[in-house]
Amino acid sequence: FAQAGMAGIMIEDQVAPKWCGHTKGKAVVPRAEAIARVRAACDARDEGPWDICIMARTDARATEGLEEALERCRAFVEAGADITFLEAPLSETEMERYCREVPGYKLVNMLPSGKTPMLSHQRLNEMGFTIAAYPLTLLSAGLKAQEAALLRLKAGGADTSDLELDFEKLKDVVGFNDYYSEEDRYKTV
């Protein structure tokens, strides 16, 4: 991955196929295998001329309990992970404990209506989190706007302009203006 130009990679302890950490049905590999996965990635980084960030994720909280998840995170740090990610802690108390007991940089997943409490950036920082991910925020907000627009259209074609970008902005966001510039650049007539 580093040879391909990647700046970072997340190594996980889930059994394939991977599941969302806030849903049912996931399973994790034994602790020794999870640590070996992280160690292999860190060794490859350290033994070569690579500058790649290794994030180690555990989903063991949901399947094995908080103690096992914390043990895995500590072991991931010892194996050389740059960042740990304990997926789906169930309370602020669990989040605080993770930050207190596991050294190094930590990522938290903020998923509205998920298992982990939604907290402000300030509160997350106070706890000790260095990265907050919002993996479904844009998708969910976009789908909500699409549903609202479809309901208005179904109800008789009511105005949806408050849910939309104006067309000039839309063209810019999706790249039409860049395409037009390239077209002008290579015009032969």
N, C-alpha and C. Protein backbone atom coordinates (compact mmCIF):
# COMPACT_ATOMS: atom_id res chain seq x y z
N PHE A 1 0.83 -1.19 0.00
CA PHE A 1 0.00 0.00 0.00
C PHE A 1 0.87 1.25 0.00
N ALA A 2 1.94 1.23 0.77
CA ALA A 2 2.84 2.38 0.79
C ALA A 2 3.47 2.58 -0.57
N GLN A 3 3.85 1.49 -1.25
CA GLN A 3 4.43 1.60 -2.58
C GLN A 3 3.46 2.25 -3.57
N ALA A 4 2.18 2.06 -3.34
CA ALA A 4 1.16 2.64 -4.22
C ALA A 4 0.87 4.09 -3.85
N GLY A 5 1.51 4.60 -2.80
CA GLY A 5 1.33 6.00 -2.44
C GLY A 5 0.33 6.25 -1.32
N MET A 6 -0.15 5.19 -0.70
CA MET A 6 -1.10 5.36 0.40
C MET A 6 -0.39 5.98 1.60
N ALA A 7 -1.08 6.88 2.29
CA ALA A 7 -0.52 7.53 3.47
C ALA A 7 -0.83 6.75 4.74
N GLY A 8 -1.85 5.91 4.70
CA GLY A 8 -2.22 5.16 5.88
C GLY A 8 -3.07 3.95 5.53
N ILE A 9 -3.15 3.04 6.48
CA ILE A 9 -3.96 1.84 6.30
C ILE A 9 -4.55 1.46 7.66
N MET A 10 -5.76 0.92 7.62
CA MET A 10 -6.40 0.44 8.84
C MET A 10 -6.38 -1.09 8.82
N ILE A 11 -5.80 -1.65 9.86
CA ILE A 11 -5.75 -3.10 10.03
C ILE A 11 -6.82 -3.46 11.05
N GLU A 12 -7.68 -4.40 10.70
CA GLU A 12 -8.81 -4.75 11.55
C GLU A 12 -8.71 -6.17 12.08
N ASP A 13 -9.48 -6.44 13.12
CA ASP A 13 -9.50 -7.79 13.69
C ASP A 13 -10.79 -8.54 13.38
N GLN A 14 -11.59 -8.02 12.47
CA GLN A 14 -12.82 -8.73 12.11
C GLN A 14 -12.53 -9.92 11.21
N VAL A 15 -13.41 -10.89 11.30
CA VAL A 15 -13.43 -12.01 10.37
C VAL A 15 -14.13 -11.53 9.11
N ALA A 16 -13.63 -11.95 7.95
CA ALA A 16 -14.29 -11.58 6.70
C ALA A 16 -15.57 -12.40 6.54
N PRO A 17 -16.59 -11.83 5.95
CA PRO A 17 -16.69 -10.47 5.43
C PRO A 17 -16.87 -9.47 6.56
N LYS A 18 -16.33 -8.28 6.33
CA LYS A 18 -16.37 -7.21 7.31
C LYS A 18 -17.79 -6.65 7.44
N TRP A 19 -18.15 -6.26 8.65
CA TRP A 19 -19.45 -5.66 8.93
C TRP A 19 -19.24 -4.29 9.55
N CYS A 20 -20.25 -3.46 9.46
CA CYS A 20 -20.25 -2.18 10.17
C CYS A 20 -20.16 -2.47 11.65
N GLY A 21 -19.34 -1.72 12.37
CA GLY A 21 -19.15 -1.95 13.79
C GLY A 21 -20.36 -1.67 14.65
N HIS A 22 -21.35 -0.99 14.11
CA HIS A 22 -22.56 -0.66 14.88
C HIS A 22 -23.73 -1.57 14.53
N THR A 23 -23.45 -2.66 13.80
CA THR A 23 -24.50 -3.59 13.42
C THR A 23 -24.19 -4.97 13.98
N LYS A 24 -25.17 -5.84 13.91
CA LYS A 24 -24.98 -7.20 14.42
C LYS A 24 -24.32 -8.07 13.34
N GLY A 25 -23.86 -9.24 13.75
CA GLY A 25 -23.37 -10.21 12.80
C GLY A 25 -21.87 -10.27 12.63
N LYS A 26 -21.13 -9.41 13.30
CA LYS A 26 -19.67 -9.43 13.11
C LYS A 26 -19.01 -10.42 14.06
N ALA A 27 -17.81 -10.80 13.73
CA ALA A 27 -16.99 -11.68 14.56
C ALA A 27 -15.54 -11.22 14.42
N VAL A 28 -14.75 -11.50 15.45
CA VAL A 28 -13.35 -11.11 15.41
C VAL A 28 -12.46 -12.35 15.47
N VAL A 29 -11.25 -12.19 14.95
CA VAL A 29 -10.26 -13.27 15.02
C VAL A 29 -9.71 -13.34 16.44
N PRO A 30 -9.04 -14.43 16.81
CA PRO A 30 -8.42 -14.50 18.14
C PRO A 30 -7.40 -13.38 18.33
N ARG A 31 -7.18 -13.01 19.58
CA ARG A 31 -6.29 -11.89 19.90
C ARG A 31 -4.92 -12.06 19.27
N ALA A 32 -4.33 -13.24 19.36
CA ALA A 32 -2.98 -13.46 18.81
C ALA A 32 -2.95 -13.15 17.31
N GLU A 33 -3.96 -13.56 16.59
CA GLU A 33 -4.00 -13.28 15.15
C GLU A 33 -4.18 -11.78 14.89
N ALA A 34 -5.00 -11.13 15.68
CA ALA A 34 -5.21 -9.69 15.53
C ALA A 34 -3.89 -8.94 15.71
N ILE A 35 -3.16 -9.31 16.76
CA ILE A 35 -1.87 -8.66 17.03
C ILE A 35 -0.88 -8.96 15.91
N ALA A 36 -0.87 -10.19 15.42
CA ALA A 36 0.03 -10.56 14.34
C ALA A 36 -0.26 -9.75 13.08
N ARG A 37 -1.52 -9.50 12.79
CA ARG A 37 -1.87 -8.66 11.63
C ARG A 37 -1.26 -7.27 11.76
N VAL A 38 -1.42 -6.69 12.95
CA VAL A 38 -0.90 -5.34 13.18
C VAL A 38 0.63 -5.35 13.14
N ARG A 39 1.23 -6.33 13.81
CA ARG A 39 2.69 -6.42 13.83
C ARG A 39 3.26 -6.59 12.43
N ALA A 40 2.62 -7.39 11.59
CA ALA A 40 3.10 -7.60 10.22
C ALA A 40 3.08 -6.28 9.45
N ALA A 41 2.02 -5.50 9.60
CA ALA A 41 1.94 -4.21 8.91
C ALA A 41 3.01 -3.25 9.44
N CYS A 42 3.19 -3.22 10.74
CA CYS A 42 4.19 -2.33 11.33
C CYS A 42 5.61 -2.75 10.97
N ASP A 43 5.86 -4.05 10.97
CA ASP A 43 7.18 -4.54 10.56
C ASP A 43 7.48 -4.17 9.11
N ALA A 44 6.49 -4.35 8.24
CA ALA A 44 6.68 -4.00 6.82
C ALA A 44 6.99 -2.51 6.68
N ARG A 45 6.29 -1.69 7.46
CA ARG A 45 6.55 -0.24 7.44
C ARG A 45 7.97 0.05 7.92
N ASP A 46 8.35 -0.56 9.02
CA ASP A 46 9.62 -0.24 9.66
C ASP A 46 10.83 -0.84 8.95
N GLU A 47 10.63 -1.94 8.24
CA GLU A 47 11.75 -2.61 7.57
C GLU A 47 12.01 -2.08 6.18
N GLY A 48 11.11 -1.29 5.65
CA GLY A 48 11.30 -0.73 4.32
C GLY A 48 11.43 0.78 4.38
N PRO A 49 11.52 1.38 3.23
CA PRO A 49 11.64 2.85 3.18
C PRO A 49 10.27 3.52 3.19
N TRP A 50 9.31 2.96 3.94
CA TRP A 50 7.93 3.41 3.85
C TRP A 50 7.60 4.41 4.96
N ASP A 51 6.79 5.35 4.60
CA ASP A 51 6.26 6.30 5.57
C ASP A 51 4.74 6.17 5.50
N ILE A 52 4.21 5.22 6.23
CA ILE A 52 2.78 4.96 6.19
C ILE A 52 2.25 4.85 7.62
N CYS A 53 1.11 5.45 7.86
CA CYS A 53 0.47 5.42 9.17
C CYS A 53 -0.34 4.13 9.32
N ILE A 54 -0.13 3.44 10.43
CA ILE A 54 -0.85 2.20 10.70
C ILE A 54 -1.89 2.46 11.78
N MET A 55 -3.17 2.31 11.41
CA MET A 55 -4.25 2.38 12.38
C MET A 55 -4.73 0.96 12.66
N ALA A 56 -4.85 0.63 13.94
CA ALA A 56 -5.29 -0.71 14.32
C ALA A 56 -6.67 -0.61 14.97
N ARG A 57 -7.61 -1.33 14.39
CA ARG A 57 -9.01 -1.28 14.82
C ARG A 57 -9.42 -2.60 15.46
N THR A 58 -10.17 -2.49 16.54
CA THR A 58 -10.78 -3.69 17.12
C THR A 58 -12.29 -3.53 17.22
N ASP A 59 -12.98 -4.60 16.89
CA ASP A 59 -14.43 -4.68 17.07
C ASP A 59 -14.77 -5.63 18.22
N ALA A 60 -13.77 -5.93 19.04
CA ALA A 60 -13.95 -6.89 20.12
C ALA A 60 -14.90 -6.41 21.21
N ARG A 61 -15.15 -5.11 21.30
CA ARG A 61 -16.08 -4.61 22.32
C ARG A 61 -17.44 -5.29 22.19
N ALA A 62 -17.91 -5.44 20.97
CA ALA A 62 -19.25 -6.00 20.74
C ALA A 62 -19.29 -7.51 20.92
N THR A 63 -18.19 -8.17 20.68
CA THR A 63 -18.21 -9.64 20.68
C THR A 63 -17.54 -10.27 21.89
N GLU A 64 -16.52 -9.61 22.43
CA GLU A 64 -15.73 -10.19 23.52
C GLU A 64 -15.79 -9.36 24.81
N GLY A 65 -16.30 -8.13 24.71
CA GLY A 65 -16.39 -7.26 25.89
C GLY A 65 -15.32 -6.19 25.91
N LEU A 66 -15.53 -5.21 26.79
CA LEU A 66 -14.64 -4.05 26.87
C LEU A 66 -13.22 -4.43 27.29
N GLU A 67 -13.07 -5.33 28.28
CA GLU A 67 -11.73 -5.69 28.75
C GLU A 67 -10.88 -6.24 27.61
N GLU A 68 -11.45 -7.13 26.82
CA GLU A 68 -10.71 -7.71 25.69
C GLU A 68 -10.37 -6.64 24.66
N ALA A 69 -11.31 -5.74 24.39
CA ALA A 69 -11.06 -4.67 23.43
C ALA A 69 -9.90 -3.78 23.89
N LEU A 70 -9.88 -3.45 25.18
CA LEU A 70 -8.79 -2.63 25.72
C LEU A 70 -7.46 -3.37 25.65
N GLU A 71 -7.45 -4.67 25.98
CA GLU A 71 -6.23 -5.47 25.89
C GLU A 71 -5.69 -5.47 24.46
N ARG A 72 -6.59 -5.63 23.50
CA ARG A 72 -6.17 -5.62 22.10
C ARG A 72 -5.57 -4.27 21.72
N CYS A 73 -6.20 -3.20 22.12
CA CYS A 73 -5.67 -1.87 21.78
C CYS A 73 -4.29 -1.64 22.37
N ARG A 74 -4.11 -2.03 23.63
CA ARG A 74 -2.79 -1.89 24.24
C ARG A 74 -1.76 -2.72 23.48
N ALA A 75 -2.13 -3.92 23.11
CA ALA A 75 -1.21 -4.80 22.36
C ALA A 75 -0.91 -4.23 20.98
N PHE A 76 -1.89 -3.58 20.36
CA PHE A 76 -1.67 -2.96 19.04
C PHE A 76 -0.62 -1.85 19.15
N VAL A 77 -0.70 -1.06 20.23
CA VAL A 77 0.30 0.00 20.45
C VAL A 77 1.68 -0.63 20.64
N GLU A 78 1.75 -1.67 21.45
CA GLU A 78 3.03 -2.36 21.67
C GLU A 78 3.58 -2.94 20.37
N ALA A 79 2.70 -3.35 19.47
CA ALA A 79 3.13 -3.92 18.18
C ALA A 79 3.57 -2.83 17.20
N GLY A 80 3.33 -1.56 17.55
CA GLY A 80 3.80 -0.47 16.70
C GLY A 80 2.74 0.36 16.01
N ALA A 81 1.47 0.13 16.29
CA ALA A 81 0.42 0.92 15.63
C ALA A 81 0.55 2.39 16.00
N ASP A 82 0.31 3.24 15.02
CA ASP A 82 0.37 4.69 15.24
C ASP A 82 -0.92 5.23 15.87
N ILE A 83 -2.04 4.61 15.54
CA ILE A 83 -3.36 5.03 16.01
C ILE A 83 -4.15 3.78 16.36
N THR A 84 -4.93 3.83 17.44
CA THR A 84 -5.85 2.74 17.73
C THR A 84 -7.28 3.24 17.56
N PHE A 85 -8.16 2.28 17.32
CA PHE A 85 -9.57 2.56 17.08
C PHE A 85 -10.37 1.45 17.73
N LEU A 86 -10.94 1.75 18.89
CA LEU A 86 -11.82 0.82 19.58
C LEU A 86 -13.24 1.14 19.10
N GLU A 87 -13.79 0.28 18.27
CA GLU A 87 -15.09 0.54 17.66
C GLU A 87 -16.23 0.33 18.64
N ALA A 88 -17.14 1.28 18.63
CA ALA A 88 -18.43 1.22 19.30
C ALA A 88 -18.40 1.06 20.82
N PRO A 89 -17.64 1.92 21.53
CA PRO A 89 -17.81 1.93 22.98
C PRO A 89 -19.24 2.38 23.30
N LEU A 90 -19.80 1.86 24.37
CA LEU A 90 -21.22 2.05 24.63
C LEU A 90 -21.58 3.24 25.52
N SER A 91 -20.58 3.89 26.13
CA SER A 91 -20.88 5.00 27.03
C SER A 91 -19.69 5.95 27.11
N GLU A 92 -19.95 7.13 27.68
CA GLU A 92 -18.85 8.06 27.91
C GLU A 92 -17.83 7.46 28.86
N THR A 93 -18.30 6.69 29.83
CA THR A 93 -17.39 6.04 30.78
C THR A 93 -16.44 5.10 30.06
N GLU A 94 -16.95 4.32 29.12
CA GLU A 94 -16.09 3.42 28.34
C GLU A 94 -15.12 4.22 27.47
N MET A 95 -15.60 5.30 26.89
CA MET A 95 -14.74 6.14 26.05
C MET A 95 -13.61 6.73 26.88
N GLU A 96 -13.94 7.24 28.06
CA GLU A 96 -12.93 7.83 28.94
C GLU A 96 -11.90 6.77 29.37
N ARG A 97 -12.39 5.60 29.69
CA ARG A 97 -11.49 4.53 30.11
C ARG A 97 -10.51 4.15 28.99
N TYR A 98 -11.02 4.01 27.79
CA TYR A 98 -10.17 3.72 26.63
C TYR A 98 -9.08 4.79 26.50
N CYS A 99 -9.47 6.04 26.55
CA CYS A 99 -8.49 7.12 26.40
C CYS A 99 -7.49 7.15 27.55
N ARG A 100 -7.92 6.81 28.73
CA ARG A 100 -7.05 6.82 29.90
C ARG A 100 -6.09 5.63 29.91
N GLU A 101 -6.57 4.46 29.47
CA GLU A 101 -5.78 3.23 29.64
C GLU A 101 -4.96 2.81 28.42
N VAL A 102 -5.23 3.40 27.28
CA VAL A 102 -4.49 3.04 26.07
C VAL A 102 -3.67 4.25 25.63
N PRO A 103 -2.35 4.10 25.56
CA PRO A 103 -1.53 5.24 25.13
C PRO A 103 -1.67 5.52 23.63
N GLY A 104 -1.26 6.72 23.25
CA GLY A 104 -1.17 7.06 21.84
C GLY A 104 -2.42 7.71 21.27
N TYR A 105 -2.37 7.91 19.97
CA TYR A 105 -3.48 8.55 19.25
C TYR A 105 -4.66 7.60 19.13
N LYS A 106 -5.87 8.19 19.20
CA LYS A 106 -7.08 7.39 19.17
C LYS A 106 -8.12 8.00 18.24
N LEU A 107 -8.83 7.12 17.53
CA LEU A 107 -9.93 7.53 16.66
C LEU A 107 -11.24 7.10 17.30
N VAL A 108 -12.26 7.95 17.14
CA VAL A 108 -13.62 7.61 17.57
C VAL A 108 -14.55 7.75 16.37
N ASN A 109 -15.49 6.85 16.28
CA ASN A 109 -16.48 6.85 15.21
C ASN A 109 -17.75 7.51 15.73
N MET A 110 -18.16 8.60 15.12
CA MET A 110 -19.39 9.29 15.51
C MET A 110 -20.48 8.93 14.51
N LEU A 111 -21.43 8.16 14.98
CA LEU A 111 -22.49 7.64 14.12
C LEU A 111 -23.83 7.96 14.78
N PRO A 112 -24.55 8.97 14.29
CA PRO A 112 -25.85 9.31 14.90
C PRO A 112 -26.74 8.07 14.99
N SER A 113 -27.33 7.86 16.13
CA SER A 113 -28.18 6.71 16.42
C SER A 113 -27.39 5.41 16.49
N GLY A 114 -26.07 5.51 16.53
CA GLY A 114 -25.23 4.32 16.67
C GLY A 114 -25.07 3.97 18.14
N LYS A 115 -24.11 3.10 18.43
CA LYS A 115 -23.92 2.61 19.80
C LYS A 115 -23.11 3.57 20.66
N THR A 116 -22.25 4.37 20.04
CA THR A 116 -21.39 5.29 20.77
C THR A 116 -22.08 6.63 20.94
N PRO A 117 -22.01 7.22 22.14
CA PRO A 117 -22.64 8.54 22.34
C PRO A 117 -22.06 9.59 21.40
N MET A 118 -22.93 10.42 20.83
CA MET A 118 -22.50 11.54 20.00
C MET A 118 -22.07 12.68 20.93
N LEU A 119 -20.83 13.11 20.80
CA LEU A 119 -20.29 14.15 21.67
C LEU A 119 -19.67 15.26 20.83
N SER A 120 -19.52 16.42 21.43
CA SER A 120 -18.91 17.56 20.74
C SER A 120 -17.43 17.31 20.53
N HIS A 121 -16.85 18.06 19.58
CA HIS A 121 -15.41 17.95 19.35
C HIS A 121 -14.64 18.29 20.62
N GLN A 122 -15.12 19.32 21.32
CA GLN A 122 -14.44 19.73 22.55
C GLN A 122 -14.43 18.60 23.58
N ARG A 123 -15.56 17.94 23.75
CA ARG A 123 -15.64 16.85 24.74
C ARG A 123 -14.76 15.68 24.32
N LEU A 124 -14.78 15.34 23.04
CA LEU A 124 -13.93 14.24 22.55
C LEU A 124 -12.46 14.56 22.79
N ASN A 125 -12.07 15.79 22.51
CA ASN A 125 -10.69 16.21 22.73
C ASN A 125 -10.32 16.15 24.21
N GLU A 126 -11.23 16.61 25.07
CA GLU A 126 -10.99 16.55 26.51
C GLU A 126 -10.76 15.12 26.98
N MET A 127 -11.49 14.17 26.39
CA MET A 127 -11.34 12.76 26.76
C MET A 127 -10.00 12.21 26.33
N GLY A 128 -9.49 12.70 25.18
CA GLY A 128 -8.21 12.21 24.67
C GLY A 128 -8.26 11.67 23.26
N PHE A 129 -9.39 11.84 22.58
CA PHE A 129 -9.47 11.42 21.18
C PHE A 129 -8.76 12.45 20.31
N THR A 130 -8.03 11.98 19.32
CA THR A 130 -7.31 12.87 18.42
C THR A 130 -7.95 12.94 17.04
N ILE A 131 -8.78 11.96 16.71
CA ILE A 131 -9.46 11.92 15.41
C ILE A 131 -10.91 11.51 15.65
N ALA A 132 -11.84 12.21 15.01
CA ALA A 132 -13.25 11.83 15.03
C ALA A 132 -13.69 11.59 13.59
N ALA A 133 -14.25 10.42 13.34
CA ALA A 133 -14.75 10.09 12.01
C ALA A 133 -16.28 10.16 12.03
N TYR A 134 -16.84 10.65 10.94
CA TYR A 134 -18.29 10.74 10.77
C TYR A 134 -18.63 9.99 9.48
N PRO A 135 -18.58 8.65 9.52
CA PRO A 135 -18.61 7.85 8.29
C PRO A 135 -19.93 7.87 7.52
N LEU A 136 -21.02 8.18 8.17
CA LEU A 136 -22.31 8.15 7.48
C LEU A 136 -23.02 9.49 7.42
N THR A 137 -22.42 10.53 7.96
CA THR A 137 -23.09 11.82 8.05
C THR A 137 -23.50 12.35 6.69
N LEU A 138 -22.60 12.39 5.73
CA LEU A 138 -22.94 12.93 4.41
C LEU A 138 -23.93 12.04 3.67
N LEU A 139 -23.74 10.73 3.76
CA LEU A 139 -24.67 9.81 3.12
C LEU A 139 -26.07 9.96 3.71
N SER A 140 -26.16 9.98 5.03
CA SER A 140 -27.45 10.08 5.70
C SER A 140 -28.13 11.42 5.41
N ALA A 141 -27.37 12.51 5.47
CA ALA A 141 -27.95 13.83 5.18
C ALA A 141 -28.43 13.90 3.73
N GLY A 142 -27.64 13.34 2.81
CA GLY A 142 -28.04 13.33 1.41
C GLY A 142 -29.30 12.52 1.17
N LEU A 143 -29.38 11.35 1.81
CA LEU A 143 -30.57 10.52 1.66
C LEU A 143 -31.81 11.19 2.25
N LYS A 144 -31.64 11.88 3.37
CA LYS A 144 -32.77 12.59 3.98
C LYS A 144 -33.28 13.68 3.04
N ALA A 145 -32.37 14.42 2.43
CA ALA A 145 -32.77 15.46 1.47
C ALA A 145 -33.44 14.84 0.25
N GLN A 146 -32.92 13.70 -0.22
CA GLN A 146 -33.54 13.03 -1.36
C GLN A 146 -34.96 12.56 -1.04
N GLU A 147 -35.13 11.99 0.15
CA GLU A 147 -36.47 11.55 0.55
C GLU A 147 -37.43 12.73 0.62
N ALA A 148 -36.98 13.85 1.19
CA ALA A 148 -37.83 15.04 1.29
C ALA A 148 -38.21 15.54 -0.10
N ALA A 149 -37.25 15.56 -1.00
CA ALA A 149 -37.54 16.02 -2.37
C ALA A 149 -38.52 15.08 -3.06
N LEU A 150 -38.32 13.79 -2.91
CA LEU A 150 -39.23 12.83 -3.54
C LEU A 150 -40.64 12.92 -2.99
N LEU A 151 -40.77 13.14 -1.68
CA LEU A 151 -42.10 13.29 -1.08
C LEU A 151 -42.81 14.52 -1.62
N ARG A 152 -42.07 15.61 -1.77
CA ARG A 152 -42.67 16.83 -2.35
C ARG A 152 -43.10 16.60 -3.78
N LEU A 153 -42.25 15.96 -4.55
CA LEU A 153 -42.60 15.69 -5.96
C LEU A 153 -43.82 14.76 -6.05
N LYS A 154 -43.84 13.76 -5.19
CA LYS A 154 -44.97 12.82 -5.19
C LYS A 154 -46.28 13.53 -4.82
N ALA A 155 -46.18 14.50 -3.94
CA ALA A 155 -47.36 15.21 -3.46
C ALA A 155 -47.84 16.28 -4.44
N GLY A 156 -47.29 16.32 -5.61
CA GLY A 156 -47.79 17.27 -6.59
C GLY A 156 -46.74 18.18 -7.20
N GLY A 157 -45.49 17.89 -6.97
CA GLY A 157 -44.45 18.67 -7.62
C GLY A 157 -44.12 19.98 -6.93
N ALA A 158 -44.23 20.01 -5.61
CA ALA A 158 -43.91 21.23 -4.86
C ALA A 158 -42.45 21.62 -5.06
N ASP A 159 -42.17 22.89 -4.85
CA ASP A 159 -40.82 23.45 -5.02
C ASP A 159 -39.82 22.73 -4.12
N THR A 160 -38.70 22.31 -4.68
CA THR A 160 -37.64 21.64 -3.92
C THR A 160 -36.34 22.45 -3.92
N SER A 161 -36.40 23.68 -4.37
CA SER A 161 -35.16 24.47 -4.53
C SER A 161 -34.41 24.67 -3.23
N ASP A 162 -35.11 24.67 -2.09
CA ASP A 162 -34.41 24.83 -0.82
C ASP A 162 -33.57 23.61 -0.45
N LEU A 163 -33.78 22.50 -1.15
CA LEU A 163 -33.03 21.27 -0.91
C LEU A 163 -31.89 21.08 -1.92
N GLU A 164 -31.81 21.97 -2.89
CA GLU A 164 -30.89 21.78 -4.01
C GLU A 164 -29.83 22.88 -4.08
N LEU A 165 -28.73 22.55 -4.73
CA LEU A 165 -27.75 23.56 -5.14
C LEU A 165 -28.30 24.25 -6.39
N ASP A 166 -27.95 25.53 -6.59
CA ASP A 166 -28.35 26.11 -7.87
C ASP A 166 -27.50 25.45 -8.97
N PHE A 167 -27.98 25.51 -10.20
CA PHE A 167 -27.38 24.74 -11.27
C PHE A 167 -25.92 25.13 -11.53
N GLU A 168 -25.59 26.42 -11.40
CA GLU A 168 -24.20 26.86 -11.62
C GLU A 168 -23.27 26.23 -10.57
N LYS A 169 -23.70 26.21 -9.34
CA LYS A 169 -22.90 25.60 -8.27
C LYS A 169 -22.80 24.09 -8.50
N LEU A 170 -23.89 23.45 -8.89
CA LEU A 170 -23.89 22.02 -9.17
C LEU A 170 -22.88 21.68 -10.27
N LYS A 171 -22.89 22.48 -11.35
CA LYS A 171 -21.95 22.24 -12.45
C LYS A 171 -20.51 22.34 -11.95
N ASP A 172 -20.25 23.28 -11.08
CA ASP A 172 -18.90 23.45 -10.56
C ASP A 172 -18.51 22.27 -9.66
N VAL A 173 -19.40 21.86 -8.77
CA VAL A 173 -19.11 20.78 -7.83
C VAL A 173 -18.85 19.46 -8.55
N VAL A 174 -19.63 19.15 -9.58
CA VAL A 174 -19.44 17.87 -10.27
C VAL A 174 -18.37 17.92 -11.36
N GLY A 175 -17.81 19.09 -11.61
CA GLY A 175 -16.66 19.17 -12.50
C GLY A 175 -16.90 19.66 -13.91
N PHE A 176 -18.12 20.10 -14.24
CA PHE A 176 -18.38 20.57 -15.60
C PHE A 176 -17.47 21.72 -15.99
N ASN A 177 -17.25 22.67 -15.09
CA ASN A 177 -16.41 23.82 -15.43
C ASN A 177 -14.97 23.40 -15.72
N ASP A 178 -14.49 22.39 -15.01
CA ASP A 178 -13.16 21.86 -15.31
C ASP A 178 -13.15 21.19 -16.69
N TYR A 179 -14.21 20.44 -16.98
CA TYR A 179 -14.31 19.81 -18.30
C TYR A 179 -14.32 20.88 -19.40
N TYR A 180 -15.09 21.94 -19.18
CA TYR A 180 -15.17 23.01 -20.18
C TYR A 180 -13.80 23.64 -20.40
N SER A 181 -13.03 23.86 -19.33
CA SER A 181 -11.69 24.42 -19.46
C SER A 181 -10.78 23.53 -20.27
N GLU A 182 -10.84 22.23 -20.00
CA GLU A 182 -10.02 21.28 -20.75
C GLU A 182 -10.46 21.24 -22.21
N GLU A 183 -11.74 21.31 -22.44
CA GLU A 183 -12.26 21.30 -23.80
C GLU A 183 -11.72 22.52 -24.56
N ASP A 184 -11.77 23.69 -23.91
CA ASP A 184 -11.23 24.89 -24.54
C ASP A 184 -9.72 24.79 -24.79
N ARG A 185 -9.03 24.17 -23.88
CA ARG A 185 -7.58 24.03 -23.97
C ARG A 185 -7.16 23.21 -25.19
N TYR A 186 -7.96 22.21 -25.54
CA TYR A 186 -7.59 21.30 -26.63
C TYR A 186 -8.42 21.46 -27.88
N LYS A 187 -9.19 22.53 -27.96
CA LYS A 187 -9.99 22.77 -29.16
C LYS A 187 -9.09 22.91 -30.37
N THR A 188 -9.52 22.34 -31.46
CA THR A 188 -8.72 22.46 -32.70
C THR A 188 -9.37 23.43 -33.68
N VAL A 189 -10.57 23.82 -33.45
CA VAL A 189 -11.27 24.75 -34.37
C VAL A 189 -11.56 26.05 -33.67
